[in-house]
PDB file of all heavy atoms in Angstrom:
ATOM      1  N   GLY A   1     -16.629   6.333 -14.520  1.00  0.00           N
ATOM      2  CA  GLY A   1     -16.129   7.192 -15.580  1.00  0.00           C
ATOM      3  C   GLY A   1     -16.703   6.824 -16.931  1.00  0.00           C
ATOM      4  O   GLY A   1     -17.097   7.686 -17.716  1.00  0.00           O
ATOM      5  N   VAL A   2     -16.782   5.532 -17.205  1.00  0.00           N
ATOM      6  CA  VAL A   2     -17.318   5.071 -18.492  1.00  0.00           C
ATOM      7  C   VAL A   2     -18.806   5.356 -18.588  1.00  0.00           C
ATOM      8  O   VAL A   2     -19.304   5.890 -19.577  1.00  0.00           O
ATOM      9  CB  VAL A   2     -17.042   3.561 -18.672  1.00  0.00           C
ATOM     10  CG1 VAL A   2     -17.765   3.045 -19.911  1.00  0.00           C
ATOM     11  CG2 VAL A   2     -15.549   3.309 -18.793  1.00  0.00           C
ATOM     12  N   GLU A   3     -19.556   5.017 -17.538  1.00  0.00           N
ATOM     13  CA  GLU A   3     -21.001   5.184 -17.559  1.00  0.00           C
ATOM     14  C   GLU A   3     -21.414   6.643 -17.655  1.00  0.00           C
ATOM     15  O   GLU A   3     -22.417   6.982 -18.270  1.00  0.00           O
ATOM     16  CB  GLU A   3     -21.620   4.563 -16.296  1.00  0.00           C
ATOM     17  CG  GLU A   3     -21.518   3.046 -16.279  1.00  0.00           C
ATOM     18  CD  GLU A   3     -21.964   2.464 -14.949  1.00  0.00           C
ATOM     19  OE1 GLU A   3     -22.411   3.252 -14.079  1.00  0.00           O
ATOM     20  OE2 GLU A   3     -21.866   1.235 -14.790  1.00  0.00           O
ATOM     21  N   HIS A   4     -20.623   7.537 -17.045  1.00  0.00           N
ATOM     22  CA  HIS A   4     -20.978   8.952 -17.040  1.00  0.00           C
ATOM     23  C   HIS A   4     -20.292   9.716 -18.171  1.00  0.00           C
ATOM     24  O   HIS A   4     -20.345  10.941 -18.202  1.00  0.00           O
ATOM     25  CB  HIS A   4     -20.626   9.573 -15.693  1.00  0.00           C
ATOM     26  CG  HIS A   4     -21.455   9.006 -14.579  1.00  0.00           C
ATOM     27  ND1 HIS A   4     -21.237   9.323 -13.267  1.00  0.00           N
ATOM     28  CD2 HIS A   4     -22.505   8.150 -14.591  1.00  0.00           C
ATOM     29  CE1 HIS A   4     -22.122   8.675 -12.504  1.00  0.00           C
ATOM     30  NE2 HIS A   4     -22.882   7.963 -13.297  1.00  0.00           N
ATOM     31  N   GLY A   5     -19.638   8.977 -19.055  1.00  0.00           N
ATOM     32  CA  GLY A   5     -19.121   9.580 -20.260  1.00  0.00           C
ATOM     33  C   GLY A   5     -17.908  10.447 -20.087  1.00  0.00           C
ATOM     34  O   GLY A   5     -17.712  11.411 -20.822  1.00  0.00           O
ATOM     35  N   SER A   6     -17.049  10.128 -19.129  1.00  0.00           N
ATOM     36  CA  SER A   6     -15.857  10.947 -18.926  1.00  0.00           C
ATOM     37  C   SER A   6     -14.685  10.476 -19.768  1.00  0.00           C
ATOM     38  O   SER A   6     -13.623  11.061 -19.728  1.00  0.00           O
ATOM     39  CB  SER A   6     -15.455  10.938 -17.448  1.00  0.00           C
ATOM     40  OG  SER A   6     -15.031   9.653 -17.067  1.00  0.00           O
ATOM     41  N   GLY A   7     -14.895   9.396 -20.505  1.00  0.00           N
ATOM     42  CA  GLY A   7     -13.850   8.932 -21.407  1.00  0.00           C
ATOM     43  C   GLY A   7     -12.771   8.145 -20.708  1.00  0.00           C
ATOM     44  O   GLY A   7     -12.714   6.936 -20.788  1.00  0.00           O
ATOM     45  N   SER A   8     -11.917   8.846 -19.985  1.00  0.00           N
ATOM     46  CA  SER A   8     -10.799   8.165 -19.326  1.00  0.00           C
ATOM     47  C   SER A   8     -11.182   7.566 -17.994  1.00  0.00           C
ATOM     48  O   SER A   8     -10.382   6.897 -17.360  1.00  0.00           O
ATOM     49  CB  SER A   8      -9.652   9.178 -19.098  1.00  0.00           C
ATOM     50  OG  SER A   8     -10.095  10.237 -18.280  1.00  0.00           O
ATOM     51  N   GLY A   9     -12.413   7.809 -17.577  1.00  0.00           N
ATOM     52  CA  GLY A   9     -12.873   7.231 -16.314  1.00  0.00           C
ATOM     53  C   GLY A   9     -12.620   8.160 -15.148  1.00  0.00           C
ATOM     54  O   GLY A   9     -11.779   9.047 -15.202  1.00  0.00           O
ATOM     55  N   LEU A  10     -13.378   7.962 -14.080  1.00  0.00           N
ATOM     56  CA  LEU A  10     -13.215   8.754 -12.870  1.00  0.00           C
ATOM     57  C   LEU A  10     -12.012   8.225 -12.108  1.00  0.00           C
ATOM     58  O   LEU A  10     -11.935   7.053 -11.803  1.00  0.00           O
ATOM     59  CB  LEU A  10     -14.480   8.646 -12.008  1.00  0.00           C
ATOM     60  CG  LEU A  10     -14.572   9.502 -10.751  1.00  0.00           C
ATOM     61  CD1 LEU A  10     -14.579  10.977 -11.125  1.00  0.00           C
ATOM     62  CD2 LEU A  10     -15.829   9.156  -9.970  1.00  0.00           C
ATOM     63  N   ALA A  11     -11.077   9.102 -11.810  1.00  0.00           N
ATOM     64  CA  ALA A  11      -9.836   8.661 -11.151  1.00  0.00           C
ATOM     65  C   ALA A  11     -10.125   8.059  -9.788  1.00  0.00           C
ATOM     66  O   ALA A  11     -11.033   8.468  -9.092  1.00  0.00           O
ATOM     67  CB  ALA A  11      -8.886   9.859 -11.000  1.00  0.00           C
ATOM     68  N   ASP A  12      -9.302   7.074  -9.419  1.00  0.00           N
ATOM     69  CA  ASP A  12      -9.457   6.441  -8.107  1.00  0.00           C
ATOM     70  C   ASP A  12      -9.443   7.469  -6.990  1.00  0.00           C
ATOM     71  O   ASP A  12     -10.219   7.401  -6.048  1.00  0.00           O
ATOM     72  CB  ASP A  12      -8.316   5.445  -7.869  1.00  0.00           C
ATOM     73  CG  ASP A  12      -8.421   4.243  -8.779  1.00  0.00           C
ATOM     74  OD1 ASP A  12      -9.391   4.166  -9.542  1.00  0.00           O
ATOM     75  OD2 ASP A  12      -7.518   3.393  -8.708  1.00  0.00           O
ATOM     76  N   SER A  13      -8.508   8.433  -7.092  1.00  0.00           N
ATOM     77  CA  SER A  13      -8.369   9.407  -6.012  1.00  0.00           C
ATOM     78  C   SER A  13      -9.605  10.277  -5.875  1.00  0.00           C
ATOM     79  O   SER A  13      -9.920  10.750  -4.787  1.00  0.00           O
ATOM     80  CB  SER A  13      -7.146  10.297  -6.259  1.00  0.00           C
ATOM     81  OG  SER A  13      -7.277  10.980  -7.484  1.00  0.00           O
ATOM     82  N   GLN A  14     -10.333  10.508  -6.983  1.00  0.00           N
ATOM     83  CA  GLN A  14     -11.544  11.312  -6.908  1.00  0.00           C
ATOM     84  C   GLN A  14     -12.608  10.607  -6.091  1.00  0.00           C
ATOM     85  O   GLN A  14     -13.404  11.238  -5.415  1.00  0.00           O
ATOM     86  CB  GLN A  14     -12.092  11.596  -8.303  1.00  0.00           C
ATOM     87  CG  GLN A  14     -11.327  12.652  -9.088  1.00  0.00           C
ATOM     88  CD  GLN A  14     -11.966  12.888 -10.422  1.00  0.00           C
ATOM     89  OE1 GLN A  14     -11.789  12.100 -11.344  1.00  0.00           O
ATOM     90  NE2 GLN A  14     -12.707  13.949 -10.528  1.00  0.00           N
ATOM     91  N   VAL A  15     -12.647   9.295  -6.175  1.00  0.00           N
ATOM     92  CA  VAL A  15     -13.646   8.538  -5.434  1.00  0.00           C
ATOM     93  C   VAL A  15     -13.230   8.355  -3.994  1.00  0.00           C
ATOM     94  O   VAL A  15     -13.996   8.570  -3.068  1.00  0.00           O
ATOM     95  CB  VAL A  15     -13.894   7.166  -6.099  1.00  0.00           C
ATOM     96  CG1 VAL A  15     -14.866   6.352  -5.274  1.00  0.00           C
ATOM     97  CG2 VAL A  15     -14.439   7.355  -7.508  1.00  0.00           C
ATOM     98  N   SER A  16     -11.980   7.954  -3.763  1.00  0.00           N
ATOM     99  CA  SER A  16     -11.565   7.595  -2.406  1.00  0.00           C
ATOM    100  C   SER A  16     -11.181   8.792  -1.559  1.00  0.00           C
ATOM    101  O   SER A  16     -11.364   8.770  -0.351  1.00  0.00           O
ATOM    102  CB  SER A  16     -10.383   6.619  -2.460  1.00  0.00           C
ATOM    103  OG  SER A  16      -9.295   7.202  -3.126  1.00  0.00           O
ATOM    104  N   ASN A  17     -10.648   9.850  -2.167  1.00  0.00           N
ATOM    105  CA  ASN A  17     -10.218  10.994  -1.369  1.00  0.00           C
ATOM    106  C   ASN A  17     -10.901  12.291  -1.772  1.00  0.00           C
ATOM    107  O   ASN A  17     -10.693  13.308  -1.138  1.00  0.00           O
ATOM    108  CB  ASN A  17      -8.698  11.211  -1.508  1.00  0.00           C
ATOM    109  CG  ASN A  17      -7.940  10.152  -0.756  1.00  0.00           C
ATOM    110  OD1 ASN A  17      -8.405   9.648   0.234  1.00  0.00           O
ATOM    111  ND2 ASN A  17      -6.769   9.804  -1.254  1.00  0.00           N
ATOM    112  N   GLY A  18     -11.712  12.256  -2.811  1.00  0.00           N
ATOM    113  CA  GLY A  18     -12.315  13.483  -3.290  1.00  0.00           C
ATOM    114  C   GLY A  18     -13.804  13.438  -3.349  1.00  0.00           C
ATOM    115  O   GLY A  18     -14.498  13.616  -2.363  1.00  0.00           O
ATOM    116  N   LYS A  19     -14.332  13.151  -4.534  1.00  0.00           N
ATOM    117  CA  LYS A  19     -15.762  13.283  -4.739  1.00  0.00           C
ATOM    118  C   LYS A  19     -16.570  12.359  -3.842  1.00  0.00           C
ATOM    119  O   LYS A  19     -17.576  12.769  -3.270  1.00  0.00           O
ATOM    120  CB  LYS A  19     -16.096  13.004  -6.212  1.00  0.00           C
ATOM    121  CG  LYS A  19     -17.521  13.405  -6.574  1.00  0.00           C
ATOM    122  CD  LYS A  19     -17.680  13.430  -8.062  1.00  0.00           C
ATOM    123  CE  LYS A  19     -19.063  13.930  -8.461  1.00  0.00           C
ATOM    124  NZ  LYS A  19     -19.322  15.304  -8.030  1.00  0.00           N
ATOM    125  N   GLY A  20     -16.138  11.122  -3.730  1.00  0.00           N
ATOM    126  CA  GLY A  20     -16.897  10.195  -2.903  1.00  0.00           C
ATOM    127  C   GLY A  20     -16.920  10.617  -1.449  1.00  0.00           C
ATOM    128  O   GLY A  20     -17.969  10.602  -0.806  1.00  0.00           O
ATOM    129  N   ILE A  21     -15.775  11.023  -0.909  1.00  0.00           N
ATOM    130  CA  ILE A  21     -15.719  11.463   0.471  1.00  0.00           C
ATOM    131  C   ILE A  21     -16.493  12.762   0.632  1.00  0.00           C
ATOM    132  O   ILE A  21     -17.201  12.970   1.612  1.00  0.00           O
ATOM    133  CB  ILE A  21     -14.250  11.686   0.913  1.00  0.00           C
ATOM    134  CG1 ILE A  21     -13.520  10.346   0.972  1.00  0.00           C
ATOM    135  CG2 ILE A  21     -14.175  12.402   2.243  1.00  0.00           C
ATOM    136  CD1 ILE A  21     -14.031   9.398   2.044  1.00  0.00           C
ATOM    137  N   GLU A  22     -16.416  13.653  -0.360  1.00  0.00           N
ATOM    138  CA  GLU A  22     -17.067  14.953  -0.256  1.00  0.00           C
ATOM    139  C   GLU A  22     -18.573  14.828  -0.066  1.00  0.00           C
ATOM    140  O   GLU A  22     -19.163  15.532   0.752  1.00  0.00           O
ATOM    141  CB  GLU A  22     -16.762  15.775  -1.513  1.00  0.00           C
ATOM    142  CG  GLU A  22     -17.386  17.157  -1.518  1.00  0.00           C
ATOM    143  CD  GLU A  22     -17.080  17.902  -2.795  1.00  0.00           C
ATOM    144  OE1 GLU A  22     -16.101  17.549  -3.481  1.00  0.00           O
ATOM    145  OE2 GLU A  22     -17.828  18.844  -3.101  1.00  0.00           O
ATOM    146  N   VAL A  23     -19.220  13.928  -0.790  1.00  0.00           N
ATOM    147  CA  VAL A  23     -20.670  13.827  -0.685  1.00  0.00           C
ATOM    148  C   VAL A  23     -21.107  13.126   0.592  1.00  0.00           C
ATOM    149  O   VAL A  23     -22.287  13.132   0.921  1.00  0.00           O
ATOM    150  CB  VAL A  23     -21.285  13.094  -1.900  1.00  0.00           C
ATOM    151  CG1 VAL A  23     -21.043  13.855  -3.182  1.00  0.00           C
ATOM    152  CG2 VAL A  23     -20.744  11.671  -2.020  1.00  0.00           C
ATOM    153  N   LEU A  24     -20.158  12.560   1.341  1.00  0.00           N
ATOM    154  CA  LEU A  24     -20.513  11.928   2.610  1.00  0.00           C
ATOM    155  C   LEU A  24     -20.496  12.908   3.757  1.00  0.00           C
ATOM    156  O   LEU A  24     -20.983  12.616   4.841  1.00  0.00           O
ATOM    157  CB  LEU A  24     -19.519  10.796   2.920  1.00  0.00           C
ATOM    158  CG  LEU A  24     -19.589   9.581   2.005  1.00  0.00           C
ATOM    159  CD1 LEU A  24     -18.487   8.613   2.365  1.00  0.00           C
ATOM    160  CD2 LEU A  24     -20.934   8.893   2.084  1.00  0.00           C
TER     161      LEU A  24
END
């Protein structure tokens, strides 16, 4: 979240149950 400039950071759920899982 910090590196990609989202301010509040990428939520844990987006990585573990959303975006991260989606790209797999």
